[in-house]
Amino acid sequence: MRIGLYPGTFDPITLGHLDIIQRALELVDRLVIGVAINRDKGPLFELEDRVAMVREECDRIVAQRGGEIVVHPFENLLIDCARDVGAKVIVRGLRAVADFEYEFQMVGMNRAMDDSIETVFLMADARRQAIASKLVKEIARLGGDVSKFVSPSVRDALVGRFAR
C-alpha cells in the first residue's frame, strides 16, 4: 500500500490545500493529512477545530471521488510523523519560489534523517497560487469576503471567530 503524508497547520484549510489533497490522492492508496501542532505559529483555531475542519473537507472529497484519507494530528518531527504513519512519500504544495527555498532546506534535512522517505512537490493550481492561510485570516479579520479562498463551512468558522 502506498501511503503519503501531506502535513500542514491548516489554520484554516483553504481551497489551495484541498486542491493539493485531491491531486495527491491520485498518487497514493492512503493519504494521511498531518495536522501540525505548532505552538510557535500561535494558531487562530485550536487543534481540535483544525482537525474537525480538515476531516469535514476530506470526508467531502472521499464521498465525491473515493480514496482513503486519514487525519492525524502530530507534534513531533515531520520525518518521525511520516515513519509513525508508514508514509514513504511526503507531499508538499508549492505556490512560489519563496516556498521552494524553505521546502528545499526541509527536504535536505529530512533526507539526512531518513533517506527512505521521498518528498514530492505539487505545484499549486494557477487559480490557487495566491491563497495563503495567513492572508485568508487577515482578510476575514478585516471583514472581507473569503468565499473565493475557503469552503463555505470554513468561511463560517472564520466569520464566527472574528465576530467575537
N, C-alpha and C. Protein backbone atom coordinates (compact mmCIF):
# COMPACT_ATOMS: atom_id res chain seq x y z
N MET A 1 0.85 -1.18 0.00
CA MET A 1 0.00 0.00 0.00
C MET A 1 0.89 1.24 0.00
N ARG A 2 0.63 2.16 -0.91
CA ARG A 2 1.39 3.42 -0.98
C ARG A 2 0.72 4.44 -0.06
N ILE A 3 1.46 4.87 0.95
CA ILE A 3 0.93 5.84 1.91
C ILE A 3 1.70 7.14 1.76
N GLY A 4 0.94 8.23 1.63
CA GLY A 4 1.54 9.55 1.55
C GLY A 4 1.12 10.39 2.73
N LEU A 5 1.95 11.34 3.10
CA LEU A 5 1.68 12.26 4.20
C LEU A 5 1.69 13.68 3.66
N TYR A 6 0.59 14.40 3.86
CA TYR A 6 0.51 15.81 3.50
C TYR A 6 0.39 16.60 4.80
N PRO A 7 1.50 17.20 5.26
CA PRO A 7 1.49 17.91 6.54
C PRO A 7 1.19 19.40 6.38
N GLY A 8 0.68 19.99 7.44
CA GLY A 8 0.46 21.44 7.47
C GLY A 8 -0.22 21.82 8.77
N THR A 9 -0.31 23.12 9.01
CA THR A 9 -1.05 23.57 10.19
C THR A 9 -2.53 23.72 9.86
N PHE A 10 -2.84 24.00 8.60
CA PHE A 10 -4.23 24.10 8.14
C PHE A 10 -5.03 25.03 9.05
N ASP A 11 -4.53 26.25 9.18
CA ASP A 11 -5.13 27.24 10.10
C ASP A 11 -5.57 28.48 9.33
N PRO A 12 -6.64 28.38 8.56
CA PRO A 12 -7.53 27.25 8.31
C PRO A 12 -7.15 26.53 7.02
N ILE A 13 -7.84 25.43 6.76
CA ILE A 13 -7.67 24.73 5.49
C ILE A 13 -8.29 25.57 4.39
N THR A 14 -7.58 25.71 3.27
CA THR A 14 -8.02 26.57 2.17
C THR A 14 -8.33 25.74 0.93
N LEU A 15 -8.86 26.41 -0.08
CA LEU A 15 -9.09 25.73 -1.36
C LEU A 15 -7.77 25.31 -2.00
N GLY A 16 -6.70 26.01 -1.70
CA GLY A 16 -5.38 25.60 -2.18
C GLY A 16 -4.97 24.28 -1.57
N HIS A 17 -5.17 24.13 -0.26
CA HIS A 17 -4.89 22.85 0.40
C HIS A 17 -5.74 21.73 -0.21
N LEU A 18 -7.01 22.02 -0.42
CA LEU A 18 -7.92 21.00 -0.94
C LEU A 18 -7.52 20.56 -2.35
N ASP A 19 -7.03 21.49 -3.14
CA ASP A 19 -6.53 21.15 -4.48
C ASP A 19 -5.37 20.16 -4.38
N ILE A 20 -4.42 20.44 -3.49
CA ILE A 20 -3.27 19.55 -3.31
C ILE A 20 -3.74 18.18 -2.79
N ILE A 21 -4.67 18.17 -1.85
CA ILE A 21 -5.18 16.91 -1.31
C ILE A 21 -5.80 16.06 -2.41
N GLN A 22 -6.64 16.66 -3.23
CA GLN A 22 -7.30 15.90 -4.30
C GLN A 22 -6.29 15.34 -5.28
N ARG A 23 -5.29 16.11 -5.63
CA ARG A 23 -4.29 15.65 -6.58
C ARG A 23 -3.36 14.60 -5.96
N ALA A 24 -3.01 14.78 -4.69
CA ALA A 24 -2.15 13.81 -4.00
C ALA A 24 -2.86 12.47 -3.85
N LEU A 25 -4.16 12.51 -3.68
CA LEU A 25 -4.95 11.29 -3.53
C LEU A 25 -4.84 10.39 -4.76
N GLU A 26 -4.56 10.99 -5.91
CA GLU A 26 -4.38 10.22 -7.14
C GLU A 26 -3.05 9.46 -7.15
N LEU A 27 -2.12 9.86 -6.30
CA LEU A 27 -0.77 9.30 -6.32
C LEU A 27 -0.54 8.19 -5.30
N VAL A 28 -1.41 8.11 -4.30
CA VAL A 28 -1.22 7.15 -3.21
C VAL A 28 -2.50 6.37 -2.94
N ASP A 29 -2.36 5.28 -2.22
CA ASP A 29 -3.54 4.49 -1.83
C ASP A 29 -4.20 5.06 -0.58
N ARG A 30 -3.37 5.60 0.31
CA ARG A 30 -3.88 6.25 1.53
C ARG A 30 -3.13 7.56 1.69
N LEU A 31 -3.89 8.62 1.91
CA LEU A 31 -3.28 9.92 2.16
C LEU A 31 -3.55 10.31 3.61
N VAL A 32 -2.49 10.52 4.35
CA VAL A 32 -2.60 10.97 5.74
C VAL A 32 -2.41 12.48 5.74
N ILE A 33 -3.38 13.18 6.31
CA ILE A 33 -3.26 14.63 6.45
C ILE A 33 -2.73 14.88 7.85
N GLY A 34 -1.48 15.30 7.94
CA GLY A 34 -0.86 15.56 9.22
C GLY A 34 -1.13 16.99 9.66
N VAL A 35 -1.95 17.14 10.68
CA VAL A 35 -2.28 18.48 11.20
C VAL A 35 -1.28 18.79 12.31
N ALA A 36 -0.40 19.73 12.02
CA ALA A 36 0.70 20.03 12.92
C ALA A 36 0.26 20.87 14.12
N ILE A 37 0.79 20.48 15.26
CA ILE A 37 0.64 21.28 16.48
C ILE A 37 1.89 22.14 16.54
N ASN A 38 1.77 23.38 16.11
CA ASN A 38 2.91 24.28 16.04
C ASN A 38 2.65 25.46 16.96
N ARG A 39 3.13 25.34 18.18
CA ARG A 39 2.88 26.39 19.17
C ARG A 39 3.56 27.71 18.80
N ASP A 40 4.62 27.65 18.00
CA ASP A 40 5.32 28.87 17.60
C ASP A 40 4.48 29.75 16.69
N LYS A 41 3.58 29.15 15.93
CA LYS A 41 2.76 29.92 14.99
C LYS A 41 1.58 30.60 15.66
N GLY A 42 1.21 30.18 16.87
CA GLY A 42 0.07 30.78 17.54
C GLY A 42 -1.18 30.70 16.69
N PRO A 43 -1.71 29.50 16.45
CA PRO A 43 -2.83 29.35 15.52
C PRO A 43 -4.10 30.06 15.98
N LEU A 44 -4.88 30.49 15.00
CA LEU A 44 -6.18 31.11 15.27
C LEU A 44 -7.15 30.06 15.83
N PHE A 45 -7.14 28.88 15.22
CA PHE A 45 -8.04 27.80 15.63
C PHE A 45 -7.28 26.77 16.46
N GLU A 46 -7.93 26.27 17.49
CA GLU A 46 -7.35 25.21 18.31
C GLU A 46 -7.18 23.96 17.45
N LEU A 47 -6.30 23.08 17.89
CA LEU A 47 -6.04 21.85 17.15
C LEU A 47 -7.32 21.08 16.85
N GLU A 48 -8.19 20.92 17.85
CA GLU A 48 -9.42 20.15 17.65
C GLU A 48 -10.28 20.76 16.55
N ASP A 49 -10.33 22.09 16.49
CA ASP A 49 -11.11 22.77 15.45
C ASP A 49 -10.49 22.56 14.08
N ARG A 50 -9.16 22.65 14.00
CA ARG A 50 -8.48 22.45 12.71
C ARG A 50 -8.66 21.03 12.22
N VAL A 51 -8.52 20.06 13.13
CA VAL A 51 -8.72 18.65 12.76
C VAL A 51 -10.15 18.45 12.27
N ALA A 52 -11.13 19.03 12.96
CA ALA A 52 -12.53 18.87 12.56
C ALA A 52 -12.78 19.49 11.18
N MET A 53 -12.21 20.67 10.93
CA MET A 53 -12.37 21.30 9.61
C MET A 53 -11.75 20.45 8.51
N VAL A 54 -10.55 19.95 8.77
CA VAL A 54 -9.86 19.12 7.77
C VAL A 54 -10.66 17.84 7.53
N ARG A 55 -11.14 17.22 8.59
CA ARG A 55 -11.94 15.99 8.45
C ARG A 55 -13.19 16.24 7.61
N GLU A 56 -13.88 17.32 7.91
CA GLU A 56 -15.11 17.63 7.18
C GLU A 56 -14.83 17.80 5.68
N GLU A 57 -13.78 18.54 5.37
CA GLU A 57 -13.43 18.76 3.96
C GLU A 57 -12.98 17.46 3.29
N CYS A 58 -12.20 16.66 3.99
CA CYS A 58 -11.70 15.40 3.42
C CYS A 58 -12.82 14.38 3.26
N ASP A 59 -13.77 14.36 4.19
CA ASP A 59 -14.92 13.46 4.06
C ASP A 59 -15.69 13.79 2.78
N ARG A 60 -15.80 15.07 2.48
CA ARG A 60 -16.48 15.51 1.27
C ARG A 60 -15.75 15.01 0.02
N ILE A 61 -14.43 15.12 0.04
CA ILE A 61 -13.62 14.67 -1.10
C ILE A 61 -13.77 13.17 -1.30
N VAL A 62 -13.67 12.41 -0.22
CA VAL A 62 -13.78 10.95 -0.32
C VAL A 62 -15.17 10.55 -0.81
N ALA A 63 -16.21 11.24 -0.35
CA ALA A 63 -17.57 10.93 -0.79
C ALA A 63 -17.73 11.18 -2.29
N GLN A 64 -17.06 12.21 -2.80
CA GLN A 64 -17.17 12.55 -4.22
C GLN A 64 -16.26 11.72 -5.11
N ARG A 65 -15.04 11.46 -4.64
CA ARG A 65 -14.02 10.87 -5.51
C ARG A 65 -13.54 9.49 -5.10
N GLY A 66 -13.85 9.09 -3.88
CA GLY A 66 -13.31 7.83 -3.37
C GLY A 66 -11.92 8.06 -2.81
N GLY A 67 -11.24 6.98 -2.50
CA GLY A 67 -9.91 7.08 -1.91
C GLY A 67 -9.97 6.96 -0.40
N GLU A 68 -8.81 6.96 0.20
CA GLU A 68 -8.72 6.85 1.65
C GLU A 68 -7.90 8.01 2.20
N ILE A 69 -8.52 8.76 3.09
CA ILE A 69 -7.84 9.88 3.74
C ILE A 69 -7.98 9.70 5.25
N VAL A 70 -6.86 9.84 5.95
CA VAL A 70 -6.82 9.77 7.40
C VAL A 70 -6.29 11.10 7.91
N VAL A 71 -6.93 11.67 8.91
CA VAL A 71 -6.47 12.92 9.51
C VAL A 71 -5.74 12.57 10.81
N HIS A 72 -4.50 13.06 10.92
CA HIS A 72 -3.61 12.65 12.01
C HIS A 72 -2.90 13.88 12.60
N PRO A 73 -3.29 14.32 13.81
CA PRO A 73 -2.55 15.42 14.44
C PRO A 73 -1.15 14.95 14.85
N PHE A 74 -0.17 15.85 14.77
CA PHE A 74 1.18 15.47 15.20
C PHE A 74 1.93 16.68 15.74
N GLU A 75 2.87 16.38 16.66
CA GLU A 75 3.67 17.43 17.29
C GLU A 75 5.16 17.15 17.15
N ASN A 76 5.50 15.97 16.69
CA ASN A 76 6.91 15.59 16.59
C ASN A 76 7.49 16.05 15.25
N LEU A 77 8.72 15.64 14.99
CA LEU A 77 9.35 15.96 13.72
C LEU A 77 8.53 15.38 12.57
N LEU A 78 8.51 16.09 11.46
CA LEU A 78 7.78 15.62 10.28
C LEU A 78 8.24 14.24 9.85
N ILE A 79 9.53 14.02 9.84
CA ILE A 79 10.06 12.72 9.40
C ILE A 79 9.63 11.61 10.35
N ASP A 80 9.54 11.92 11.64
CA ASP A 80 9.06 10.93 12.61
C ASP A 80 7.57 10.65 12.41
N CYS A 81 6.81 11.69 12.10
CA CYS A 81 5.39 11.51 11.81
C CYS A 81 5.23 10.61 10.59
N ALA A 82 6.04 10.84 9.55
CA ALA A 82 5.97 10.00 8.34
C ALA A 82 6.23 8.54 8.70
N ARG A 83 7.25 8.31 9.52
CA ARG A 83 7.54 6.93 9.96
C ARG A 83 6.36 6.36 10.75
N ASP A 84 5.82 7.17 11.67
CA ASP A 84 4.72 6.70 12.53
C ASP A 84 3.51 6.23 11.72
N VAL A 85 3.21 6.93 10.63
CA VAL A 85 2.02 6.59 9.84
C VAL A 85 2.34 5.65 8.68
N GLY A 86 3.61 5.28 8.54
CA GLY A 86 4.01 4.35 7.48
C GLY A 86 4.13 4.99 6.11
N ALA A 87 4.27 6.31 6.06
CA ALA A 87 4.36 7.01 4.78
C ALA A 87 5.76 6.88 4.19
N LYS A 88 5.81 6.63 2.91
CA LYS A 88 7.08 6.61 2.17
C LYS A 88 7.22 7.86 1.32
N VAL A 89 6.16 8.68 1.29
CA VAL A 89 6.15 9.90 0.49
C VAL A 89 5.57 11.03 1.33
N ILE A 90 6.27 12.16 1.35
CA ILE A 90 5.75 13.39 1.94
C ILE A 90 5.34 14.27 0.78
N VAL A 91 4.11 14.75 0.81
CA VAL A 91 3.58 15.61 -0.25
C VAL A 91 3.61 17.05 0.23
N ARG A 92 4.14 17.92 -0.60
CA ARG A 92 4.18 19.34 -0.27
C ARG A 92 3.66 20.13 -1.47
N GLY A 93 2.93 21.18 -1.19
CA GLY A 93 2.44 22.07 -2.23
C GLY A 93 3.38 23.26 -2.36
N LEU A 94 3.58 23.70 -3.59
CA LEU A 94 4.43 24.87 -3.85
C LEU A 94 3.60 25.94 -4.55
N ARG A 95 3.69 27.17 -4.04
CA ARG A 95 2.99 28.28 -4.67
C ARG A 95 3.95 29.17 -5.43
N ALA A 96 5.13 29.40 -4.87
CA ALA A 96 6.06 30.37 -5.46
C ALA A 96 7.49 29.98 -5.11
N VAL A 97 8.43 30.74 -5.66
CA VAL A 97 9.85 30.49 -5.43
C VAL A 97 10.17 30.56 -3.94
N ALA A 98 9.55 31.47 -3.22
CA ALA A 98 9.80 31.59 -1.78
C ALA A 98 9.47 30.29 -1.06
N ASP A 99 8.39 29.62 -1.45
CA ASP A 99 8.05 28.32 -0.87
C ASP A 99 9.16 27.31 -1.15
N PHE A 100 9.69 27.34 -2.37
CA PHE A 100 10.68 26.35 -2.78
C PHE A 100 11.94 26.42 -1.92
N GLU A 101 12.41 27.61 -1.62
CA GLU A 101 13.64 27.75 -0.84
C GLU A 101 13.51 27.09 0.52
N TYR A 102 12.42 27.34 1.20
CA TYR A 102 12.18 26.73 2.51
C TYR A 102 12.04 25.21 2.36
N GLU A 103 11.23 24.78 1.39
CA GLU A 103 10.98 23.36 1.19
C GLU A 103 12.26 22.61 0.81
N PHE A 104 13.11 23.24 0.02
CA PHE A 104 14.38 22.64 -0.39
C PHE A 104 15.23 22.32 0.84
N GLN A 105 15.29 23.25 1.79
CA GLN A 105 16.03 23.01 3.03
C GLN A 105 15.40 21.87 3.82
N MET A 106 14.08 21.85 3.90
CA MET A 106 13.38 20.79 4.64
C MET A 106 13.66 19.42 4.04
N VAL A 107 13.65 19.33 2.71
CA VAL A 107 13.93 18.05 2.06
C VAL A 107 15.32 17.57 2.43
N GLY A 108 16.29 18.47 2.39
CA GLY A 108 17.66 18.10 2.74
C GLY A 108 17.77 17.57 4.15
N MET A 109 17.13 18.24 5.08
CA MET A 109 17.18 17.80 6.48
C MET A 109 16.45 16.46 6.65
N ASN A 110 15.28 16.34 6.04
CA ASN A 110 14.52 15.09 6.15
C ASN A 110 15.29 13.92 5.53
N ARG A 111 15.93 14.15 4.38
CA ARG A 111 16.71 13.09 3.73
C ARG A 111 17.89 12.68 4.60
N ALA A 112 18.48 13.64 5.29
CA ALA A 112 19.60 13.32 6.17
C ALA A 112 19.14 12.44 7.33
N MET A 113 17.91 12.63 7.78
CA MET A 113 17.39 11.83 8.89
C MET A 113 16.83 10.49 8.45
N ASP A 114 16.30 10.42 7.21
CA ASP A 114 15.75 9.16 6.70
C ASP A 114 15.64 9.25 5.19
N ASP A 115 16.62 8.65 4.51
CA ASP A 115 16.64 8.77 3.05
C ASP A 115 15.70 7.78 2.35
N SER A 116 14.94 7.02 3.12
CA SER A 116 13.97 6.10 2.51
C SER A 116 12.62 6.78 2.26
N ILE A 117 12.46 8.00 2.77
CA ILE A 117 11.20 8.72 2.60
C ILE A 117 11.41 9.85 1.59
N GLU A 118 10.66 9.80 0.51
CA GLU A 118 10.75 10.80 -0.57
C GLU A 118 9.84 11.98 -0.28
N THR A 119 10.17 13.11 -0.86
CA THR A 119 9.28 14.27 -0.84
C THR A 119 8.89 14.57 -2.27
N VAL A 120 7.59 14.76 -2.48
CA VAL A 120 7.05 15.07 -3.80
C VAL A 120 6.39 16.44 -3.72
N PHE A 121 6.71 17.30 -4.69
CA PHE A 121 6.12 18.64 -4.73
C PHE A 121 5.03 18.69 -5.78
N LEU A 122 3.91 19.25 -5.41
CA LEU A 122 2.83 19.51 -6.36
C LEU A 122 2.69 21.02 -6.47
N MET A 123 2.78 21.51 -7.69
CA MET A 123 2.62 22.94 -7.91
C MET A 123 1.16 23.33 -7.68
N ALA A 124 0.96 24.44 -7.02
CA ALA A 124 -0.39 24.93 -6.81
C ALA A 124 -1.04 25.24 -8.15
N ASP A 125 -2.31 24.94 -8.26
CA ASP A 125 -3.08 25.31 -9.43
C ASP A 125 -2.99 26.83 -9.60
N ALA A 126 -2.90 27.29 -10.83
CA ALA A 126 -2.72 28.72 -11.10
C ALA A 126 -3.80 29.57 -10.43
N ARG A 127 -5.01 29.04 -10.33
CA ARG A 127 -6.11 29.79 -9.69
C ARG A 127 -5.96 29.87 -8.18
N ARG A 128 -5.07 29.05 -7.62
CA ARG A 128 -4.95 28.96 -6.16
C ARG A 128 -3.59 29.44 -5.65
N GLN A 129 -2.70 29.88 -6.53
CA GLN A 129 -1.33 30.21 -6.12
C GLN A 129 -1.23 31.31 -5.09
N ALA A 130 -2.14 32.24 -5.09
CA ALA A 130 -2.05 33.37 -4.16
C ALA A 130 -2.65 33.06 -2.79
N ILE A 131 -3.35 31.95 -2.67
CA ILE A 131 -4.04 31.65 -1.42
C ILE A 131 -3.05 31.22 -0.35
N ALA A 132 -3.10 31.89 0.78
CA ALA A 132 -2.29 31.54 1.95
C ALA A 132 -3.19 31.70 3.18
N SER A 133 -3.12 30.74 4.08
CA SER A 133 -3.96 30.80 5.28
C SER A 133 -3.78 32.12 6.02
N LYS A 134 -2.55 32.58 6.10
CA LYS A 134 -2.26 33.84 6.81
C LYS A 134 -3.04 35.00 6.18
N LEU A 135 -3.06 35.07 4.86
CA LEU A 135 -3.77 36.15 4.18
C LEU A 135 -5.28 35.98 4.31
N VAL A 136 -5.75 34.75 4.25
CA VAL A 136 -7.18 34.49 4.42
C VAL A 136 -7.64 34.98 5.79
N LYS A 137 -6.86 34.68 6.83
CA LYS A 137 -7.21 35.13 8.18
C LYS A 137 -7.24 36.65 8.26
N GLU A 138 -6.28 37.30 7.62
CA GLU A 138 -6.22 38.76 7.65
C GLU A 138 -7.44 39.37 6.95
N ILE A 139 -7.80 38.82 5.80
CA ILE A 139 -8.97 39.32 5.08
C ILE A 139 -10.22 39.14 5.94
N ALA A 140 -10.37 37.97 6.54
CA ALA A 140 -11.54 37.70 7.39
C ALA A 140 -11.56 38.62 8.61
N ARG A 141 -10.41 38.83 9.21
CA ARG A 141 -10.32 39.70 10.40
C ARG A 141 -10.78 41.12 10.08
N LEU A 142 -10.50 41.55 8.86
CA LEU A 142 -10.86 42.91 8.45
C LEU A 142 -12.25 42.98 7.81
N GLY A 143 -12.99 41.88 7.90
CA GLY A 143 -14.37 41.87 7.42
C GLY A 143 -14.53 41.61 5.93
N GLY A 144 -13.48 41.19 5.27
CA GLY A 144 -13.56 40.91 3.83
C GLY A 144 -14.18 39.55 3.54
N ASP A 145 -14.55 39.36 2.29
CA ASP A 145 -15.17 38.13 1.83
C ASP A 145 -14.10 37.11 1.46
N VAL A 146 -14.07 35.99 2.14
CA VAL A 146 -13.06 34.95 1.89
C VAL A 146 -13.63 33.76 1.12
N SER A 147 -14.83 33.90 0.59
CA SER A 147 -15.50 32.76 -0.04
C SER A 147 -14.80 32.26 -1.30
N LYS A 148 -13.91 33.04 -1.89
CA LYS A 148 -13.15 32.57 -3.05
C LYS A 148 -11.92 31.76 -2.63
N PHE A 149 -11.66 31.70 -1.33
CA PHE A 149 -10.42 31.09 -0.85
C PHE A 149 -10.63 29.87 0.04
N VAL A 150 -11.82 29.75 0.63
CA VAL A 150 -12.12 28.65 1.55
C VAL A 150 -13.52 28.12 1.27
N SER A 151 -13.81 26.94 1.80
CA SER A 151 -15.15 26.36 1.65
C SER A 151 -16.16 27.16 2.47
N PRO A 152 -17.45 26.99 2.20
CA PRO A 152 -18.46 27.71 2.99
C PRO A 152 -18.37 27.43 4.49
N SER A 153 -18.11 26.19 4.88
CA SER A 153 -18.06 25.89 6.32
C SER A 153 -16.85 26.54 6.98
N VAL A 154 -15.73 26.60 6.29
CA VAL A 154 -14.55 27.27 6.84
C VAL A 154 -14.78 28.78 6.88
N ARG A 155 -15.42 29.32 5.85
CA ARG A 155 -15.78 30.74 5.86
C ARG A 155 -16.62 31.06 7.08
N ASP A 156 -17.62 30.22 7.35
CA ASP A 156 -18.49 30.44 8.51
C ASP A 156 -17.70 30.39 9.81
N ALA A 157 -16.75 29.47 9.90
CA ALA A 157 -15.91 29.37 11.11
C ALA A 157 -15.08 30.64 11.28
N LEU A 158 -14.54 31.16 10.19
CA LEU A 158 -13.75 32.40 10.26
C LEU A 158 -14.62 33.58 10.67
N VAL A 159 -15.79 33.69 10.06
CA VAL A 159 -16.70 34.79 10.40
C VAL A 159 -17.08 34.70 11.87
N GLY A 160 -17.39 33.49 12.34
CA GLY A 160 -17.74 33.30 13.75
C GLY A 160 -16.60 33.65 14.68
N ARG A 161 -15.39 33.31 14.31
CA ARG A 161 -14.23 33.58 15.15
C ARG A 161 -14.00 35.08 15.29
N PHE A 162 -14.12 35.80 14.18
CA PHE A 162 -13.82 37.23 14.22
C PHE A 162 -15.01 38.07 14.66
N ALA A 163 -16.19 37.46 14.78
CA ALA A 163 -17.37 38.19 15.26
C ALA A 163 -17.33 38.34 16.77
N ARG A 164 -16.45 37.58 17.42
CA ARG A 164 -16.37 37.59 18.89
C ARG A 164 -15.83 38.89 19.41
